Amino acid sequence: MSNAKTRVLLADDHAVVREGYRRLLERTDEIAVIAEAGSGEDAYRMFAELAPDVVVLDINLPGIGGIEAARRILARDAQAKILMFSMHEDVVFPSRALQTGARGYVTKSSAPEVLVEAVRLVAAGKLYISHDMAQELAMQMLPGNENPLQALSPREFEVFRLLVAGHPIGEIARILSLSYKTVANHQSNIRQKLDVSNTAQVVRMALAHGMLSAEPVPGAAETTVEP
């Protein structure tokens, strides 16, 4: 039996959180955190440089975000093993993560041993969804329980996430390497699919589905949007 450790790239924008998860993962003899990233761009670059066995990726990263980082990593290597983790417990997040190609989803409120077990299973090529999230995902499939955010395409969801974080269209275009017109078109499609007419309603939709705290979003009131 091989004694090689599972090499993990850990991506979270908070250094203290990364340190805590590094200590947690490295308590075991078979896991080694070989690098840490503080943004989606750094996570993608480090994956390309280091080819880790598992990427533990927070959804709420600055810049391109965890979902977009996962998409880019998988576009580079379709066999990449990505475990998403997040403070968000709304079913839309694990659903989006799995649609992108992640092999698992763990909430930050989970018991410490859950993350360790999830890394082990994902490294072994298996899927990992916690029991409570699996139930939520199953419930989501029932008629009448559809989440309106599920109607958004992966790209629209990423634009939506950046809009509610207060980024103007021009900045979103730069972050995602898209044209201003393309982002404006995505915004129009988002409003149509969510049946909202302005940014304030978009933000309320995000609040309703746990994407934001109830505190004001810095810069949201000043966000430049297309009519």
C-alpha atoms as a PDB file:
ATOM      1  CA  MET A   1       0.000   0.000   0.000  1.00  0.00           C
ATOM      2  CA  SER A   2       1.321   3.446  -0.904  1.00  0.00           C
ATOM      3  CA  ASN A   3       2.222   5.810   1.923  1.00  0.00           C
ATOM      4  CA  ALA A   4       1.940   8.894  -0.287  1.00  0.00           C
ATOM      5  CA  LYS A   5      -0.108  11.649   1.287  1.00  0.00           C
ATOM      6  CA  THR A   6      -3.111  13.299  -0.349  1.00  0.00           C
ATOM      7  CA  ARG A   7      -1.820  16.674  -1.536  1.00  0.00           C
ATOM      8  CA  VAL A   8      -4.380  19.428  -0.874  1.00  0.00           C
ATOM      9  CA  LEU A   9      -4.629  22.984  -2.161  1.00  0.00           C
ATOM     10  CA  LEU A  10      -6.663  25.027   0.323  1.00  0.00           C
ATOM     11  CA  ALA A  11      -8.408  28.187  -0.927  1.00  0.00           C
ATOM     12  CA  ASP A  12     -10.116  30.659   1.412  1.00  0.00           C
ATOM     13  CA  ASP A  13      -9.796  34.431   1.571  1.00  0.00           C
ATOM     14  CA  HIS A  14      -9.286  34.521   5.357  1.00  0.00           C
ATOM     15  CA  ALA A  15      -5.795  33.595   6.564  1.00  0.00           C
ATOM     16  CA  VAL A  16      -7.053  32.628  10.028  1.00  0.00           C
ATOM     17  CA  VAL A  17      -9.636  30.277   8.517  1.00  0.00           C
ATOM     18  CA  ARG A  18      -7.010  28.702   6.266  1.00  0.00           C
ATOM     19  CA  GLU A  19      -4.715  28.161   9.239  1.00  0.00           C
ATOM     20  CA  GLY A  20      -7.493  26.451  11.165  1.00  0.00           C
ATOM     21  CA  TYR A  21      -8.392  24.136   8.306  1.00  0.00           C
ATOM     22  CA  ARG A  22      -4.726  23.396   7.590  1.00  0.00           C
ATOM     23  CA  ARG A  23      -4.216  22.283  11.200  1.00  0.00           C
ATOM     24  CA  LEU A  24      -7.396  20.225  11.048  1.00  0.00           C
ATOM     25  CA  LEU A  25      -6.475  18.427   7.832  1.00  0.00           C
ATOM     26  CA  GLU A  26      -2.858  17.818   8.817  1.00  0.00           C
ATOM     27  CA  ARG A  27      -3.823  16.125  12.087  1.00  0.00           C
ATOM     28  CA  THR A  28      -4.184  13.037   9.949  1.00  0.00           C
ATOM     29  CA  ASP A  29      -1.176  11.131   8.615  1.00  0.00           C
ATOM     30  CA  GLU A  30      -2.473  10.892   5.052  1.00  0.00           C
ATOM     31  CA  ILE A  31      -3.222  14.548   4.175  1.00  0.00           C
ATOM     32  CA  ALA A  32      -0.750  17.359   3.471  1.00  0.00           C
ATOM     33  CA  VAL A  33      -1.760  20.932   2.621  1.00  0.00           C
ATOM     34  CA  ILE A  34       0.827  21.843  -0.020  1.00  0.00           C
ATOM     35  CA  ALA A  35      -0.372  25.398  -0.737  1.00  0.00           C
ATOM     36  CA  GLU A  36      -2.912  28.031   0.263  1.00  0.00           C
ATOM     37  CA  ALA A  37      -4.736  30.507  -1.962  1.00  0.00           C
ATOM     38  CA  GLY A  38      -6.611  33.660  -0.991  1.00  0.00           C
ATOM     39  CA  SER A  39      -8.495  34.260  -4.254  1.00  0.00           C
ATOM     40  CA  GLY A  40     -10.031  32.365  -7.149  1.00  0.00           C
ATOM     41  CA  GLU A  41      -7.285  33.548  -9.490  1.00  0.00           C
ATOM     42  CA  ASP A  42      -4.586  32.316  -7.099  1.00  0.00           C
ATOM     43  CA  ALA A  43      -6.350  28.975  -6.708  1.00  0.00           C
ATOM     44  CA  TYR A  44      -6.392  28.461 -10.472  1.00  0.00           C
ATOM     45  CA  ARG A  45      -2.743  29.498 -10.855  1.00  0.00           C
ATOM     46  CA  MET A  46      -1.590  27.244  -8.011  1.00  0.00           C
ATOM     47  CA  PHE A  47      -3.565  24.320  -9.382  1.00  0.00           C
ATOM     48  CA  ALA A  48      -1.834  24.741 -12.738  1.00  0.00           C
ATOM     49  CA  GLU A  49       1.583  24.922 -11.048  1.00  0.00           C
ATOM     50  CA  LEU A  50       1.223  22.218  -8.404  1.00  0.00           C
ATOM     51  CA  ALA A  51      -1.409  19.732  -9.673  1.00  0.00           C
ATOM     52  CA  PRO A  52      -2.760  18.898  -6.184  1.00  0.00           C
ATOM     53  CA  ASP A  53      -4.768  15.734  -5.572  1.00  0.00           C
ATOM     54  CA  VAL A  54      -7.703  17.680  -4.082  1.00  0.00           C
ATOM     55  CA  VAL A  55      -8.665  21.349  -4.172  1.00  0.00           C
ATOM     56  CA  VAL A  56     -10.643  22.506  -1.125  1.00  0.00           C
ATOM     57  CA  LEU A  57     -12.289  25.622  -2.472  1.00  0.00           C
ATOM     58  CA  ASP A  58     -14.405  28.212  -0.674  1.00  0.00           C
ATOM     59  CA  ILE A  59     -17.321  29.498  -2.754  1.00  0.00           C
ATOM     60  CA  ASN A  60     -16.980  33.087  -1.520  1.00  0.00           C
ATOM     61  CA  LEU A  61     -13.559  34.017  -2.837  1.00  0.00           C
ATOM     62  CA  PRO A  62     -12.719  37.535  -3.981  1.00  0.00           C
ATOM     63  CA  GLY A  63     -12.312  38.054  -7.701  1.00  0.00           C
ATOM     64  CA  ILE A  64     -13.685  35.285  -9.864  1.00  0.00           C
ATOM     65  CA  GLY A  65     -15.171  33.358  -6.922  1.00  0.00           C
ATOM     66  CA  GLY A  66     -15.064  29.685  -6.087  1.00  0.00           C
ATOM     67  CA  ILE A  67     -17.605  28.491  -8.655  1.00  0.00           C
ATOM     68  CA  GLU A  68     -15.831  30.256 -11.513  1.00  0.00           C
ATOM     69  CA  ALA A  69     -12.435  29.102 -10.231  1.00  0.00           C
ATOM     70  CA  ALA A  70     -13.745  25.526 -10.206  1.00  0.00           C
ATOM     71  CA  ARG A  71     -15.049  25.927 -13.755  1.00  0.00           C
ATOM     72  CA  ARG A  72     -11.656  27.146 -14.970  1.00  0.00           C
ATOM     73  CA  ILE A  73      -9.767  24.415 -13.125  1.00  0.00           C
ATOM     74  CA  LEU A  74     -12.017  21.746 -14.632  1.00  0.00           C
ATOM     75  CA  ALA A  75     -11.680  23.296 -18.078  1.00  0.00           C
ATOM     76  CA  ARG A  76      -7.928  22.820 -17.684  1.00  0.00           C
ATOM     77  CA  ASP A  77      -8.195  19.330 -16.185  1.00  0.00           C
ATOM     78  CA  ALA A  78     -11.536  17.548 -16.367  1.00  0.00           C
ATOM     79  CA  GLN A  79     -10.298  15.000 -13.811  1.00  0.00           C
ATOM     80  CA  ALA A  80      -9.567  17.615 -11.130  1.00  0.00           C
ATOM     81  CA  LYS A  81     -11.011  16.702  -7.732  1.00  0.00           C
ATOM     82  CA  ILE A  82     -12.666  19.725  -6.153  1.00  0.00           C
ATOM     83  CA  LEU A  83     -14.364  19.896  -2.757  1.00  0.00           C
ATOM     84  CA  MET A  84     -16.357  23.077  -2.202  1.00  0.00           C
ATOM     85  CA  PHE A  85     -16.915  24.432   1.281  1.00  0.00           C
ATOM     86  CA  SER A  86     -18.889  27.453   2.351  1.00  0.00           C
ATOM     87  CA  MET A  87     -20.788  29.222   5.100  1.00  0.00           C
ATOM     88  CA  HIS A  88     -23.891  28.979   2.904  1.00  0.00           C
ATOM     89  CA  GLU A  89     -26.413  26.242   3.643  1.00  0.00           C
ATOM     90  CA  ASP A  90     -29.029  27.159   1.026  1.00  0.00           C
ATOM     91  CA  VAL A  91     -29.423  24.273  -1.413  1.00  0.00           C
ATOM     92  CA  VAL A  92     -28.589  26.476  -4.411  1.00  0.00           C
ATOM     93  CA  PHE A  93     -24.896  26.443  -3.449  1.00  0.00           C
ATOM     94  CA  PRO A  94     -24.217  22.681  -3.378  1.00  0.00           C
ATOM     95  CA  SER A  95     -26.409  22.372  -6.452  1.00  0.00           C
ATOM     96  CA  ARG A  96     -24.292  24.921  -8.323  1.00  0.00           C
ATOM     97  CA  ALA A  97     -21.075  23.346  -7.078  1.00  0.00           C
ATOM     98  CA  LEU A  98     -22.094  19.904  -8.344  1.00  0.00           C
ATOM     99  CA  GLN A  99     -23.315  21.300 -11.661  1.00  0.00           C
ATOM    100  CA  THR A 100     -19.914  22.885 -12.140  1.00  0.00           C
ATOM    101  CA  GLY A 101     -18.225  19.533 -11.597  1.00  0.00           C
ATOM    102  CA  ALA A 102     -17.162  19.637  -7.946  1.00  0.00           C
ATOM    103  CA  ARG A 103     -16.993  16.233  -6.250  1.00  0.00           C
ATOM    104  CA  GLY A 104     -18.372  17.396  -2.922  1.00  0.00           C
ATOM    105  CA  TYR A 105     -19.786  20.149  -0.743  1.00  0.00           C
ATOM    106  CA  VAL A 106     -19.269  20.805   2.968  1.00  0.00           C
ATOM    107  CA  THR A 107     -20.650  23.676   5.034  1.00  0.00           C
ATOM    108  CA  LYS A 108     -18.368  25.488   7.467  1.00  0.00           C
ATOM    109  CA  SER A 109     -20.816  24.684  10.252  1.00  0.00           C
ATOM    110  CA  SER A 110     -20.102  20.966   9.832  1.00  0.00           C
ATOM    111  CA  ALA A 111     -18.202  19.034  12.496  1.00  0.00           C
ATOM    112  CA  PRO A 112     -14.412  19.085  11.947  1.00  0.00           C
ATOM    113  CA  GLU A 113     -14.216  15.411  11.084  1.00  0.00           C
ATOM    114  CA  VAL A 114     -16.686  15.938   8.227  1.00  0.00           C
ATOM    115  CA  LEU A 115     -14.176  17.953   6.194  1.00  0.00           C
ATOM    116  CA  VAL A 116     -11.461  15.345   6.751  1.00  0.00           C
ATOM    117  CA  GLU A 117     -13.758  12.517   5.656  1.00  0.00           C
ATOM    118  CA  ALA A 118     -14.919  14.542   2.638  1.00  0.00           C
ATOM    119  CA  VAL A 119     -11.312  15.094   1.513  1.00  0.00           C
ATOM    120  CA  ARG A 120     -10.594  11.385   1.883  1.00  0.00           C
ATOM    121  CA  LEU A 121     -13.613  10.381  -0.183  1.00  0.00           C
ATOM    122  CA  VAL A 122     -13.081  12.989  -2.894  1.00  0.00           C
ATOM    123  CA  ALA A 123      -9.419  11.961  -3.156  1.00  0.00           C
ATOM    124  CA  ALA A 124     -10.621   8.369  -3.662  1.00  0.00           C
ATOM    125  CA  GLY A 125     -12.773   9.499  -6.590  1.00  0.00           C
ATOM    126  CA  LYS A 126     -16.074   9.447  -4.729  1.00  0.00           C
ATOM    127  CA  LEU A 127     -18.718  12.113  -4.229  1.00  0.00           C
ATOM    128  CA  TYR A 128     -19.416  13.639  -0.843  1.00  0.00           C
ATOM    129  CA  ILE A 129     -22.544  15.538   0.162  1.00  0.00           C
ATOM    130  CA  SER A 130     -23.450  15.767   3.831  1.00  0.00           C
ATOM    131  CA  HIS A 131     -26.650  13.981   4.835  1.00  0.00           C
ATOM    132  CA  ASP A 132     -28.596  17.162   5.569  1.00  0.00           C
ATOM    133  CA  MET A 133     -27.589  18.789   2.282  1.00  0.00           C
ATOM    134  CA  ALA A 134     -28.451  15.604   0.378  1.00  0.00           C
ATOM    135  CA  GLN A 135     -31.947  15.755   1.849  1.00  0.00           C
ATOM    136  CA  GLU A 136     -32.273  19.405   0.880  1.00  0.00           C
ATOM    137  CA  LEU A 137     -31.174  18.635  -2.667  1.00  0.00           C
ATOM    138  CA  ALA A 138     -33.759  15.850  -2.882  1.00  0.00           C
ATOM    139  CA  MET A 139     -36.486  18.176  -1.590  1.00  0.00           C
ATOM    140  CA  GLN A 140     -35.509  20.747  -4.195  1.00  0.00           C
ATOM    141  CA  MET A 141     -36.496  18.269  -6.905  1.00  0.00           C
ATOM    142  CA  LEU A 142     -40.094  18.087  -5.690  1.00  0.00           C
ATOM    143  CA  PRO A 143     -42.718  20.092  -7.623  1.00  0.00           C
ATOM    144  CA  GLY A 144     -43.355  23.497  -6.077  1.00  0.00           C
ATOM    145  CA  ASN A 145     -39.990  23.632  -4.283  1.00  0.00           C
ATOM    146  CA  GLU A 146     -37.964  25.055  -7.151  1.00  0.00           C
ATOM    147  CA  ASN A 147     -35.464  27.768  -6.244  1.00  0.00           C
ATOM    148  CA  PRO A 148     -35.623  30.637  -8.775  1.00  0.00           C
ATOM    149  CA  LEU A 149     -31.836  30.918  -8.697  1.00  0.00           C
ATOM    150  CA  GLN A 150     -31.640  27.478 -10.261  1.00  0.00           C
ATOM    151  CA  ALA A 151     -32.937  29.006 -13.495  1.00  0.00           C
ATOM    152  CA  LEU A 152     -29.702  30.949 -13.902  1.00  0.00           C
ATOM    153  CA  SER A 153     -26.944  29.530 -16.083  1.00  0.00           C
ATOM    154  CA  PRO A 154     -23.523  29.040 -14.430  1.00  0.00           C
ATOM    155  CA  ARG A 155     -22.255  32.277 -15.978  1.00  0.00           C
ATOM    156  CA  GLU A 156     -25.414  34.179 -14.995  1.00  0.00           C
ATOM    157  CA  PHE A 157     -25.074  32.894 -11.436  1.00  0.00           C
ATOM    158  CA  GLU A 158     -21.516  34.206 -11.228  1.00  0.00           C
ATOM    159  CA  VAL A 159     -22.606  37.607 -12.585  1.00  0.00           C
ATOM    160  CA  PHE A 160     -25.493  37.581 -10.087  1.00  0.00           C
ATOM    161  CA  ARG A 161     -23.082  36.864  -7.232  1.00  0.00           C
ATOM    162  CA  LEU A 162     -20.847  39.770  -8.218  1.00  0.00           C
ATOM    163  CA  LEU A 163     -23.788  42.134  -8.735  1.00  0.00           C
ATOM    164  CA  VAL A 164     -25.152  41.537  -5.256  1.00  0.00           C
ATOM    165  CA  ALA A 165     -21.644  42.014  -3.850  1.00  0.00           C
ATOM    166  CA  GLY A 166     -21.811  45.583  -5.189  1.00  0.00           C
ATOM    167  CA  HIS A 167     -19.579  45.317  -8.249  1.00  0.00           C
ATOM    168  CA  PRO A 168     -20.489  47.561 -11.224  1.00  0.00           C
ATOM    169  CA  ILE A 169     -20.839  46.028 -14.669  1.00  0.00           C
ATOM    170  CA  GLY A 170     -17.485  47.314 -15.876  1.00  0.00           C
ATOM    171  CA  GLU A 171     -15.675  45.714 -12.951  1.00  0.00           C
ATOM    172  CA  ILE A 172     -17.534  42.429 -13.403  1.00  0.00           C
ATOM    173  CA  ALA A 173     -16.475  42.441 -17.045  1.00  0.00           C
ATOM    174  CA  ARG A 174     -12.846  42.861 -15.973  1.00  0.00           C
ATOM    175  CA  ILE A 175     -13.037  40.146 -13.290  1.00  0.00           C
ATOM    176  CA  LEU A 176     -14.621  37.597 -15.619  1.00  0.00           C
ATOM    177  CA  SER A 177     -12.684  38.672 -18.736  1.00  0.00           C
ATOM    178  CA  LEU A 178     -15.906  39.489 -20.584  1.00  0.00           C
ATOM    179  CA  SER A 179     -17.047  42.503 -22.562  1.00  0.00           C
ATOM    180  CA  TYR A 180     -19.202  45.159 -20.919  1.00  0.00           C
ATOM    181  CA  LYS A 181     -22.014  44.328 -23.364  1.00  0.00           C
ATOM    182  CA  THR A 182     -21.899  40.629 -22.513  1.00  0.00           C
ATOM    183  CA  VAL A 183     -22.192  41.310 -18.782  1.00  0.00           C
ATOM    184  CA  ALA A 184     -25.022  43.803 -19.412  1.00  0.00           C
ATOM    185  CA  ASN A 185     -26.845  41.117 -21.412  1.00  0.00           C
ATOM    186  CA  HIS A 186     -26.347  38.624 -18.583  1.00  0.00           C
ATOM    187  CA  GLN A 187     -27.773  41.163 -16.143  1.00  0.00           C
ATOM    188  CA  SER A 188     -30.837  41.618 -18.352  1.00  0.00           C
ATOM    189  CA  ASN A 189     -31.332  37.834 -18.510  1.00  0.00           C
ATOM    190  CA  ILE A 190     -30.931  37.556 -14.728  1.00  0.00           C
ATOM    191  CA  ARG A 191     -33.624  40.153 -14.104  1.00  0.00           C
ATOM    192  CA  GLN A 192     -35.965  38.458 -16.542  1.00  0.00           C
ATOM    193  CA  LYS A 193     -35.458  34.985 -15.070  1.00  0.00           C
ATOM    194  CA  LEU A 194     -35.832  36.223 -11.484  1.00  0.00           C
ATOM    195  CA  ASP A 195     -38.752  38.515 -12.392  1.00  0.00           C
ATOM    196  CA  VAL A 196     -37.108  41.597 -10.882  1.00  0.00           C
ATOM    197  CA  SER A 197     -36.645  45.054 -12.375  1.00  0.00           C
ATOM    198  CA  ASN A 198     -33.815  46.721 -10.457  1.00  0.00           C
ATOM    199  CA  THR A 199     -30.694  46.093  -8.411  1.00  0.00           C
ATOM    200  CA  ALA A 200     -32.446  46.534  -5.064  1.00  0.00           C
ATOM    201  CA  GLN A 201     -34.803  43.667  -5.934  1.00  0.00           C
ATOM    202  CA  VAL A 202     -31.844  41.556  -7.038  1.00  0.00           C
ATOM    203  CA  VAL A 203     -30.184  42.155  -3.653  1.00  0.00           C
ATOM    204  CA  ARG A 204     -33.416  41.264  -1.822  1.00  0.00           C
ATOM    205  CA  MET A 205     -33.528  38.018  -3.790  1.00  0.00           C
ATOM    206  CA  ALA A 206     -29.973  37.273  -2.656  1.00  0.00           C
ATOM    207  CA  LEU A 207     -30.911  38.012   0.963  1.00  0.00           C
ATOM    208  CA  ALA A 208     -33.924  35.718   0.741  1.00  0.00           C
ATOM    209  CA  HIS A 209     -31.703  32.830  -0.310  1.00  0.00           C
ATOM    210  CA  GLY A 210     -28.922  33.336   2.197  1.00  0.00           C
ATOM    211  CA  MET A 211     -26.330  34.796  -0.154  1.00  0.00           C
ATOM    212  CA  LEU A 212     -25.906  37.929   1.973  1.00  0.00           C
ATOM    213  CA  SER A 213     -26.240  38.950   5.574  1.00  0.00           C
ATOM    214  CA  ALA A 214     -28.973  41.432   6.437  1.00  0.00           C
ATOM    215  CA  GLU A 215     -26.355  44.184   6.647  1.00  0.00           C
ATOM    216  CA  PRO A 216     -26.063  46.664   3.755  1.00  0.00           C
ATOM    217  CA  VAL A 217     -23.803  45.586   0.934  1.00  0.00           C
ATOM    218  CA  PRO A 218     -20.899  48.041   0.583  1.00  0.00           C
ATOM    219  CA  GLY A 219     -21.199  49.866  -2.720  1.00  0.00           C
ATOM    220  CA  ALA A 220     -24.489  48.233  -3.672  1.00  0.00           C
ATOM    221  CA  ALA A 221     -26.388  51.512  -3.677  1.00  0.00           C
ATOM    222  CA  GLU A 222     -23.827  53.013  -6.029  1.00  0.00           C
ATOM    223  CA  THR A 223     -23.682  50.076  -8.410  1.00  0.00           C
ATOM    224  CA  THR A 224     -24.007  51.162 -12.034  1.00  0.00           C
ATOM    225  CA  VAL A 225     -26.537  49.031 -13.859  1.00  0.00           C
ATOM    226  CA  GLU A 226     -28.237  48.953 -17.194  1.00  0.00           C
ATOM    227  CA  PRO A 227     -31.942  49.910 -17.199  1.00  0.00           C
END
